[in-house]
Amino acid sequence: MTTPVSTIAKLFQACEPNESISPSDSRYVNFDSARGDSPAPRFAKGLRLADPVRPEIKLLAGHRGIGKTSELLRLKELLEESSSTTNPNHPFKVIFFDVNDSLDVNDLDLPDLLVLIAGEVQRQLKEAAIPGFTETSVYFKQVWDDIKATLGANVELKGAEAEAPFGKLAVEFKNRPGARQMLRAAIEKHNTSLIGAVNDLLSQANVALRKTGASSGLVLLIDGLDKVVLRPLDDGKSNTHVRLFCARADQLANLKAHTVYTIPISLIYSPQSAQLSQTFGAHPQPMPMIRLRSNKESDPVPSNTGMKKMWEMLERRCTYAGVEIKDVFDKPETGHYLCRMTGGHPRHLMMFMQAAINAVDKFPITKTAAHKAVNNYANSLLREIPDPFWPLLRKFEAPQDYIPKDEAHQLMLFYLHVFEYMNGAPWYEVNPVIRELPKFKQH
């Protein structure tokens, strides 16, 4: 007999910050009106208009935790929609995966990613059971045999694993950090042929899908690359983002299917941003933070739209957990405080909610518990922020239309010290929790 889950536990679980919500989930909130721009509808339209034999590459940037995965899940649903009067196109077959589920984003390079792409393409195309298509081509098997010969006895395949060897090799990359350089060296010797083998599968699958007369072909949605850690490389001249997304851009742009990659927000504020646009044939599209207020009088969006949307997010989580929001907080101002201190960052609201719930034994959540939840995050920021950053951060106490494109400011964006918003043009403000810190107020 299972133990009944209390209402407070249900709400705690409903606010899991690392769970991505799709539009079909009752907890989902459409934030379009508060963002100023949302990529999914725009991407879907562009991919439908694109020449099917000339793959489109799209880049989705944005702060970590603001809903890029949910936006990709929304894009997936839009692309997989059946033909209708509003959408006369055939649906796409979407291959979606998150590299964070299979690879170590703290130490990731192109060979790891190519192996994962090969494994996921093969696995998901097999599951799709496309009429007239075989997911293991002679070319694909030959490339694996060549790589396996280079690896020698370092990777052992058993039984059914041989049917999807690249999926097995992706596991090796994650679970054997000490052997990564050896594994990467083996893949580097064959990366051109590996890309060719993946493209052979993609091309054949696209042809088979379109022959059915009921599909527009394939789209790859590759999530999680925005989490690749930004750190300097040993050469002192580059960093992990430049190594993966710029130095290897030609290979990433060479897949024979429409592809959407998530990329770190810091990358589009680097000197290499122009290179991305030229190689991928697309300007990186940042997904803006939810605006809790406007930075100019001419803004057509009411200034309270974002706060209403954040409150709606709380209401939906409460409804999902079977509790009314009026019973969750001692007074509405307590919930509004949590919303305001997020700066419009949805994951932070969920983190604050879990921390506040954890600070009480029963509902309602008090103002003291809410302040404790925010203070937990504030203390972690105080320990995390390097001393040289403080005078730079103080410049963003008020909205700024410009942020310098140097490594320090890239790190501030990547680690959520400064938030980017959109109001026709981008603007920037310090994380509101940092604004409350005594050290920030010191001048």
Protein backbone atom coordinates (compact mmCIF):
# COMPACT_ATOMS: atom_id res chain seq x y z
CA MET A 1 0.00 0.00 0.00
CA THR A 2 1.43 3.36 -1.03
CA THR A 3 1.58 6.25 1.43
CA PRO A 4 -0.62 9.22 0.38
CA VAL A 5 1.39 12.23 -0.71
CA SER A 6 0.57 15.38 1.24
CA THR A 7 -0.57 18.52 -0.56
CA ILE A 8 2.59 20.35 0.44
CA ALA A 9 4.70 17.54 -1.03
CA LYS A 10 2.61 17.60 -4.21
CA LEU A 11 3.27 21.31 -4.68
CA PHE A 12 6.97 20.84 -3.93
CA GLN A 13 7.11 18.15 -6.63
CA ALA A 14 5.01 20.22 -9.06
CA CYS A 15 7.63 22.99 -8.79
CA GLU A 16 10.58 20.82 -9.83
CA PRO A 17 12.92 23.43 -11.41
CA ASN A 18 14.74 21.02 -13.71
CA GLU A 19 11.62 19.55 -15.31
CA SER A 20 10.86 20.98 -18.75
CA ILE A 21 7.17 21.50 -19.47
CA SER A 22 5.61 20.93 -22.89
CA PRO A 23 2.53 22.84 -24.14
CA SER A 24 0.38 19.76 -23.55
CA ASP A 25 1.17 19.85 -19.80
CA SER A 26 -1.44 21.57 -17.64
CA ARG A 27 1.36 23.49 -15.87
CA TYR A 28 2.52 25.13 -19.13
CA VAL A 29 2.27 28.91 -19.43
CA ASN A 30 2.63 30.77 -22.73
CA PHE A 31 4.93 33.71 -21.98
CA ASP A 32 4.92 35.23 -25.50
CA SER A 33 3.20 38.45 -24.44
CA ALA A 34 5.77 39.08 -21.71
CA ARG A 35 8.94 38.14 -23.57
CA GLY A 36 8.59 40.48 -26.52
CA ASP A 37 9.60 37.68 -28.90
CA SER A 38 9.32 33.87 -28.86
CA PRO A 39 11.30 31.65 -31.26
CA ALA A 40 9.08 28.57 -31.74
CA PRO A 41 6.42 30.05 -34.08
CA ARG A 42 9.05 31.97 -36.04
CA PHE A 43 11.31 28.92 -36.38
CA ALA A 44 8.41 26.68 -37.41
CA LYS A 45 7.37 29.09 -40.15
CA GLY A 46 10.93 29.47 -41.42
CA LEU A 47 11.52 25.71 -41.58
CA ARG A 48 8.29 25.17 -43.50
CA LEU A 49 9.25 27.87 -46.01
CA ALA A 50 12.81 26.57 -46.48
CA ASP A 51 13.90 24.56 -49.52
CA PRO A 52 13.67 20.92 -48.36
CA VAL A 53 16.91 19.97 -50.15
CA ARG A 54 18.85 22.89 -48.62
CA PRO A 55 18.92 22.31 -44.87
CA GLU A 56 18.27 25.31 -42.60
CA ILE A 57 20.38 25.73 -39.46
CA LYS A 58 18.93 27.76 -36.61
CA LEU A 59 20.64 28.79 -33.36
CA LEU A 60 18.67 29.34 -30.16
CA ALA A 61 20.44 31.25 -27.39
CA GLY A 62 19.21 32.44 -24.02
CA HIS A 63 19.85 32.38 -20.30
CA ARG A 64 19.95 28.92 -18.74
CA GLY A 65 16.63 27.94 -17.19
CA ILE A 66 14.36 30.46 -18.92
CA GLY A 67 12.46 27.84 -20.91
CA LYS A 68 14.46 27.02 -24.05
CA THR A 69 13.71 23.30 -23.72
CA SER A 70 10.00 24.03 -23.31
CA GLU A 71 10.24 26.27 -26.37
CA LEU A 72 11.87 23.43 -28.34
CA LEU A 73 9.13 21.05 -27.19
CA ARG A 74 6.63 23.65 -28.40
CA LEU A 75 8.49 23.84 -31.72
CA LYS A 76 8.39 20.05 -31.95
CA GLU A 77 4.61 20.06 -31.55
CA LEU A 78 4.23 22.81 -34.16
CA LEU A 79 6.38 20.93 -36.68
CA GLU A 80 4.57 17.64 -36.07
CA GLU A 81 1.11 19.17 -36.53
CA SER A 82 -0.99 17.50 -39.21
CA SER A 83 -2.07 19.49 -42.24
CA SER A 84 -4.97 21.88 -41.64
CA THR A 85 -6.44 25.05 -43.06
CA THR A 86 -4.04 27.08 -40.91
CA ASN A 87 -1.12 24.75 -41.65
CA PRO A 88 -1.33 23.36 -45.19
CA ASN A 89 2.10 21.71 -44.93
CA HIS A 90 2.78 18.06 -44.18
CA PRO A 91 4.20 17.40 -40.71
CA PHE A 92 7.91 16.92 -40.12
CA LYS A 93 9.50 13.94 -38.42
CA VAL A 94 11.37 15.51 -35.50
CA ILE A 95 14.44 13.97 -33.87
CA PHE A 96 14.79 15.63 -30.47
CA PHE A 97 17.43 14.97 -27.83
CA ASP A 98 19.23 16.74 -25.00
CA VAL A 99 23.00 16.30 -24.95
CA ASN A 100 22.95 16.89 -21.19
CA ASP A 101 21.20 13.52 -20.76
CA SER A 102 24.05 11.60 -22.39
CA LEU A 103 27.24 13.68 -22.31
CA ASP A 104 29.23 15.64 -19.75
CA VAL A 105 28.67 19.33 -20.60
CA ASN A 106 31.51 20.21 -18.22
CA ASP A 107 33.91 18.62 -20.69
CA LEU A 108 32.44 18.34 -24.18
CA ASP A 109 34.02 18.56 -27.62
CA LEU A 110 32.93 17.86 -31.19
CA PRO A 111 33.85 14.12 -31.28
CA ASP A 112 31.58 13.47 -28.29
CA LEU A 113 28.75 15.37 -29.94
CA LEU A 114 29.16 13.65 -33.31
CA VAL A 115 29.01 10.25 -31.66
CA LEU A 116 25.82 11.20 -29.82
CA ILE A 117 24.20 12.61 -32.96
CA ALA A 118 25.07 9.39 -34.84
CA GLY A 119 23.61 7.24 -32.06
CA GLU A 120 20.41 9.28 -31.67
CA VAL A 121 19.77 9.56 -35.41
CA GLN A 122 20.13 5.81 -35.81
CA ARG A 123 18.05 4.98 -32.72
CA GLN A 124 15.19 7.37 -33.39
CA LEU A 125 15.00 6.59 -37.09
CA LYS A 126 14.77 2.90 -36.22
CA GLU A 127 11.92 3.64 -33.81
CA ALA A 128 10.16 5.67 -36.51
CA ALA A 129 9.94 2.57 -38.76
CA ILE A 130 9.89 4.65 -41.96
CA PRO A 131 8.58 2.60 -44.90
CA GLY A 132 11.38 1.70 -47.33
CA PHE A 133 14.15 2.91 -45.02
CA THR A 134 16.88 0.90 -43.26
CA GLU A 135 18.60 2.69 -40.41
CA THR A 136 21.90 0.80 -40.78
CA SER A 137 23.52 1.51 -44.13
CA VAL A 138 26.64 -0.17 -45.49
CA TYR A 139 28.41 3.18 -45.21
CA PHE A 140 27.34 3.60 -41.58
CA LYS A 141 28.56 0.11 -40.64
CA GLN A 142 31.84 0.61 -42.46
CA VAL A 143 32.59 3.81 -40.55
CA TRP A 144 31.87 2.08 -37.25
CA ASP A 145 34.17 -0.81 -38.19
CA ASP A 146 36.94 1.68 -38.99
CA ILE A 147 36.48 3.50 -35.67
CA LYS A 148 36.29 0.24 -33.76
CA ALA A 149 39.55 -0.91 -35.35
CA THR A 150 41.19 2.35 -34.27
CA LEU A 151 39.88 1.93 -30.73
CA GLY A 152 41.15 -1.63 -30.55
CA ALA A 153 40.26 -3.27 -27.25
CA ASN A 154 39.40 -0.01 -25.48
CA VAL A 155 35.67 -0.30 -26.13
CA GLU A 156 33.98 -3.67 -25.90
CA LEU A 157 30.54 -4.25 -27.44
CA LYS A 158 28.32 -7.11 -26.38
CA GLY A 159 25.22 -8.65 -27.89
CA ALA A 160 22.51 -6.21 -28.95
CA GLU A 161 24.80 -3.24 -28.28
CA ALA A 162 26.42 -3.93 -31.65
CA GLU A 163 23.13 -2.91 -33.31
CA ALA A 164 23.52 0.66 -32.04
CA PRO A 165 27.26 1.04 -31.46
CA PHE A 166 27.38 4.84 -31.43
CA GLY A 167 24.85 4.98 -28.64
CA LYS A 168 27.14 2.67 -26.65
CA LEU A 169 30.15 4.85 -27.48
CA ALA A 170 28.33 7.96 -26.22
CA VAL A 171 27.98 6.19 -22.86
CA GLU A 172 31.72 5.54 -22.90
CA PHE A 173 32.37 9.26 -23.40
CA LYS A 174 30.29 10.14 -20.35
CA ASN A 175 31.33 7.35 -18.01
CA ARG A 176 35.05 7.22 -18.74
CA PRO A 177 36.41 10.76 -18.33
CA GLY A 178 39.95 9.43 -18.07
CA ALA A 179 39.66 7.86 -21.52
CA ARG A 180 38.02 10.82 -23.30
CA GLN A 181 41.17 12.04 -25.01
CA MET A 182 41.84 8.56 -26.37
CA LEU A 183 38.25 8.23 -27.58
CA ARG A 184 38.29 11.70 -29.13
CA ALA A 185 41.54 10.99 -30.94
CA ALA A 186 39.98 7.89 -32.50
CA ILE A 187 36.90 9.81 -33.64
CA GLU A 188 38.97 12.75 -34.95
CA LYS A 189 40.67 10.38 -37.41
CA HIS A 190 37.28 9.49 -38.85
CA ASN A 191 35.08 12.52 -38.13
CA THR A 192 34.67 13.44 -41.81
CA SER A 193 33.52 9.93 -42.67
CA LEU A 194 31.32 9.83 -39.54
CA ILE A 195 29.54 13.03 -40.60
CA GLY A 196 29.22 11.49 -44.07
CA ALA A 197 27.67 8.33 -42.63
CA VAL A 198 25.18 10.34 -40.52
CA ASN A 199 24.31 12.44 -43.56
CA ASP A 200 23.83 9.27 -45.62
CA LEU A 201 21.20 8.13 -43.10
CA LEU A 202 19.57 11.57 -42.94
CA SER A 203 19.40 11.88 -46.72
CA GLN A 204 17.92 8.41 -47.17
CA ALA A 205 15.40 9.04 -44.39
CA ASN A 206 14.37 12.37 -45.90
CA VAL A 207 13.81 10.74 -49.28
CA ALA A 208 11.82 7.87 -47.73
CA LEU A 209 9.68 10.25 -45.66
CA ARG A 210 8.81 12.46 -48.62
CA LYS A 211 8.02 9.43 -50.77
CA THR A 212 5.20 8.60 -48.36
CA GLY A 213 3.52 11.81 -49.50
CA ALA A 214 2.61 12.60 -45.91
CA SER A 215 5.79 14.14 -44.51
CA SER A 216 7.91 17.22 -45.13
CA GLY A 217 11.06 15.40 -44.01
CA LEU A 218 13.35 15.54 -40.98
CA VAL A 219 14.19 18.19 -38.41
CA LEU A 220 16.84 17.73 -35.72
CA LEU A 221 16.37 19.60 -32.42
CA ILE A 222 19.62 19.38 -30.43
CA ASP A 223 19.12 20.72 -26.92
CA GLY A 224 21.45 21.20 -23.97
CA LEU A 225 24.43 22.77 -25.74
CA ASP A 226 23.67 26.08 -24.02
CA LYS A 227 24.88 24.41 -20.81
CA VAL A 228 28.39 23.72 -22.11
CA VAL A 229 30.61 25.30 -19.47
CA LEU A 230 32.49 28.45 -20.40
CA ARG A 231 36.13 28.12 -19.38
CA PRO A 232 39.52 29.08 -20.85
CA LEU A 233 41.55 26.49 -22.73
CA ASP A 234 45.18 25.69 -22.06
CA ASP A 235 46.36 27.74 -25.03
CA GLY A 236 45.22 30.90 -23.21
CA LYS A 237 43.72 32.25 -26.43
CA SER A 238 40.38 30.48 -26.62
CA ASN A 239 37.61 28.92 -24.54
CA THR A 240 35.32 25.91 -24.65
CA HIS A 241 32.52 27.81 -26.43
CA VAL A 242 34.77 29.05 -29.23
CA ARG A 243 36.32 25.59 -29.60
CA LEU A 244 32.99 23.82 -30.08
CA PHE A 245 30.75 26.37 -31.80
CA CYS A 246 33.22 28.45 -33.82
CA ALA A 247 36.26 26.31 -34.57
CA ARG A 248 33.93 23.41 -35.48
CA ALA A 249 31.10 25.47 -36.96
CA ASP A 250 31.60 24.10 -40.49
CA GLN A 251 31.01 20.55 -39.26
CA LEU A 252 28.01 21.49 -37.12
CA ALA A 253 26.49 23.29 -40.11
CA ASN A 254 27.02 20.31 -42.43
CA LEU A 255 24.18 18.00 -41.35
CA LYS A 256 21.79 17.10 -44.18
CA ALA A 257 18.60 17.94 -42.34
CA HIS A 258 17.03 21.08 -40.92
CA THR A 259 18.69 21.53 -37.51
CA VAL A 260 18.17 23.71 -34.45
CA TYR A 261 20.99 23.96 -31.90
CA THR A 262 20.79 25.64 -28.52
CA ILE A 263 23.91 27.70 -27.81
CA PRO A 264 25.16 29.63 -24.75
CA ILE A 265 23.95 33.23 -24.51
CA SER A 266 27.51 34.38 -23.79
CA LEU A 267 28.59 33.24 -27.25
CA ILE A 268 26.45 35.80 -29.08
CA TYR A 269 28.22 38.53 -27.11
CA SER A 270 31.66 37.39 -28.16
CA PRO A 271 33.75 38.69 -31.09
CA GLN A 272 33.10 35.34 -32.80
CA SER A 273 29.35 35.96 -33.10
CA ALA A 274 29.72 37.25 -36.67
CA GLN A 275 31.49 34.02 -37.60
CA LEU A 276 28.48 32.03 -36.41
CA SER A 277 26.15 34.06 -38.60
CA GLN A 278 28.35 33.60 -41.67
CA THR A 279 28.88 29.86 -41.18
CA PHE A 280 25.35 28.87 -40.21
CA GLY A 281 23.62 31.35 -42.49
CA ALA A 282 21.49 32.56 -39.59
CA HIS A 283 21.77 35.14 -36.87
CA PRO A 284 21.65 33.54 -33.40
CA GLN A 285 18.20 34.14 -31.93
CA PRO A 286 18.24 34.93 -28.21
CA MET A 287 15.19 33.94 -26.21
CA PRO A 288 14.46 36.96 -24.01
CA MET A 289 13.84 36.96 -20.30
CA ILE A 290 10.26 37.60 -19.13
CA ARG A 291 9.88 41.34 -18.64
CA LEU A 292 8.46 42.27 -15.24
CA ARG A 293 8.52 45.94 -16.19
CA SER A 294 9.28 48.13 -19.20
CA ASN A 295 12.37 50.24 -19.79
CA LYS A 296 10.67 52.86 -21.95
CA GLU A 297 7.38 54.75 -22.02
CA SER A 298 6.55 53.80 -25.62
CA ASP A 299 6.37 50.08 -24.82
CA PRO A 300 2.95 48.83 -26.05
CA VAL A 301 2.96 45.93 -23.58
CA PRO A 302 1.42 46.79 -20.17
CA SER A 303 4.12 46.94 -17.51
CA ASN A 304 2.40 44.33 -15.32
CA THR A 305 2.08 41.67 -18.05
CA GLY A 306 5.16 39.75 -16.92
CA MET A 307 4.12 39.73 -13.26
CA LYS A 308 0.69 38.43 -14.26
CA LYS A 309 2.33 35.63 -16.23
CA MET A 310 4.64 34.67 -13.37
CA TRP A 311 1.61 34.62 -11.05
CA GLU A 312 -0.21 32.44 -13.57
CA MET A 313 2.74 30.05 -13.42
CA LEU A 314 2.27 29.77 -9.66
CA GLU A 315 -1.49 29.31 -10.01
CA ARG A 316 -1.08 26.48 -12.50
CA ARG A 317 1.40 24.67 -10.26
CA CYS A 318 -0.97 25.03 -7.33
CA THR A 319 -3.92 23.73 -9.35
CA TYR A 320 -1.79 20.79 -10.53
CA ALA A 321 -1.02 19.98 -6.87
CA GLY A 322 -4.67 20.28 -5.86
CA VAL A 323 -4.37 23.39 -3.70
CA GLU A 324 -5.67 26.93 -4.11
CA ILE A 325 -3.05 29.64 -4.35
CA LYS A 326 -4.83 31.74 -1.69
CA ASP A 327 -4.10 28.93 0.78
CA VAL A 328 -0.42 28.63 -0.23
CA PHE A 329 0.73 32.14 0.79
CA ASP A 330 -0.05 34.04 3.97
CA LYS A 331 -0.88 37.00 1.71
CA PRO A 332 -0.56 37.67 -2.03
CA GLU A 333 2.38 40.04 -1.46
CA THR A 334 4.51 37.07 -0.36
CA GLY A 335 4.02 35.33 -3.71
CA HIS A 336 4.50 38.60 -5.57
CA TYR A 337 7.81 39.07 -3.75
CA LEU A 338 9.07 35.71 -4.99
CA CYS A 339 7.98 36.54 -8.55
CA ARG A 340 9.64 39.95 -8.42
CA MET A 341 12.95 38.59 -7.10
CA THR A 342 13.26 36.20 -10.05
CA GLY A 343 13.68 39.10 -12.47
CA GLY A 344 11.46 37.10 -14.82
CA HIS A 345 13.44 33.85 -14.65
CA PRO A 346 10.97 30.90 -14.50
CA ARG A 347 13.38 28.32 -13.09
CA HIS A 348 14.36 30.67 -10.28
CA LEU A 349 10.68 30.98 -9.32
CA MET A 350 10.46 27.20 -9.03
CA MET A 351 13.70 27.11 -7.01
CA PHE A 352 12.39 29.82 -4.69
CA MET A 353 9.08 27.96 -4.27
CA GLN A 354 10.78 24.69 -3.33
CA ALA A 355 13.09 26.47 -0.88
CA ALA A 356 10.15 28.37 0.68
CA ILE A 357 8.04 25.19 0.98
CA ASN A 358 11.01 23.50 2.62
CA ALA A 359 11.13 26.30 5.19
CA VAL A 360 7.59 25.64 6.52
CA ASP A 361 5.90 22.57 7.98
CA LYS A 362 2.50 23.44 6.55
CA PHE A 363 0.81 26.10 4.44
CA PRO A 364 0.77 29.02 4.24
CA ILE A 365 4.22 30.11 3.08
CA THR A 366 5.13 33.11 5.22
CA LYS A 367 7.07 36.21 4.30
CA THR A 368 9.89 34.93 6.51
CA ALA A 369 10.04 31.65 4.56
CA ALA A 370 10.01 33.52 1.25
CA HIS A 371 12.88 35.76 2.37
CA LYS A 372 14.81 32.71 3.56
CA ALA A 373 14.39 31.10 0.12
CA VAL A 374 15.76 34.17 -1.66
CA ASN A 375 18.56 34.59 0.90
CA ASN A 376 19.77 31.05 0.19
CA TYR A 377 20.34 32.05 -3.43
CA ALA A 378 21.77 35.44 -2.42
CA ASN A 379 24.40 33.77 -0.25
CA SER A 380 25.43 31.44 -3.06
CA LEU A 381 25.83 34.44 -5.38
CA LEU A 382 27.90 36.23 -2.75
CA ARG A 383 30.29 33.27 -2.62
CA GLU A 384 30.32 32.85 -6.41
CA ILE A 385 30.83 36.33 -7.85
CA PRO A 386 34.51 37.25 -8.34
CA ASP A 387 35.64 40.48 -6.66
CA PRO A 388 36.47 42.26 -9.96
CA PHE A 389 32.84 41.79 -11.10
CA TRP A 390 31.21 43.96 -8.43
CA PRO A 391 32.00 47.41 -9.89
CA LEU A 392 30.99 46.11 -13.32
CA LEU A 393 27.68 44.77 -12.00
CA ARG A 394 26.79 48.07 -10.33
CA LYS A 395 26.63 49.68 -13.77
CA PHE A 396 23.56 47.53 -14.48
CA GLU A 397 21.55 48.68 -11.47
CA ALA A 398 19.42 50.67 -13.95
CA PRO A 399 18.48 49.35 -17.42
CA GLN A 400 21.33 49.55 -19.94
CA ASP A 401 21.04 49.38 -23.72
CA TYR A 402 24.57 48.02 -24.14
CA ILE A 403 26.80 45.38 -22.55
CA PRO A 404 30.55 45.18 -23.31
CA LYS A 405 31.64 42.19 -25.36
CA ASP A 406 34.48 40.97 -23.19
CA GLU A 407 35.00 37.75 -21.25
CA ALA A 408 33.91 39.20 -17.90
CA HIS A 409 30.53 40.31 -19.23
CA GLN A 410 30.08 37.06 -21.14
CA LEU A 411 30.50 35.25 -17.82
CA MET A 412 27.97 37.58 -16.15
CA LEU A 413 25.39 36.62 -18.78
CA PHE A 414 26.26 32.92 -18.68
CA TYR A 415 26.07 32.70 -14.86
CA LEU A 416 22.90 34.80 -14.62
CA HIS A 417 24.46 37.81 -12.91
CA VAL A 418 23.04 40.09 -15.62
CA PHE A 419 19.76 39.43 -17.46
CA GLU A 420 18.93 40.26 -21.07
CA TYR A 421 15.43 41.51 -21.94
CA MET A 422 13.81 42.49 -25.22
CA ASN A 423 11.74 45.58 -25.93
CA GLY A 424 12.16 45.94 -29.67
CA ALA A 425 15.90 46.04 -28.91
CA PRO A 426 17.78 44.22 -26.13
CA TRP A 427 18.42 45.79 -22.72
CA TYR A 428 20.21 44.56 -19.62
CA GLU A 429 19.76 44.68 -15.85
CA VAL A 430 21.48 43.12 -12.88
CA ASN A 431 19.88 40.04 -11.32
CA PRO A 432 17.47 41.56 -8.72
CA VAL A 433 18.80 39.29 -5.97
CA ILE A 434 22.27 40.76 -6.49
CA ARG A 435 20.79 44.25 -6.25
CA GLU A 436 19.66 43.47 -2.69
CA LEU A 437 23.10 42.38 -1.48
CA PRO A 438 24.92 44.83 0.85
CA LYS A 439 28.12 44.29 -1.12
CA PHE A 440 26.36 45.47 -4.29
CA LYS A 441 25.22 48.65 -2.53
CA GLN A 442 28.77 49.54 -1.47
CA HIS A 443 30.21 52.29 -3.66
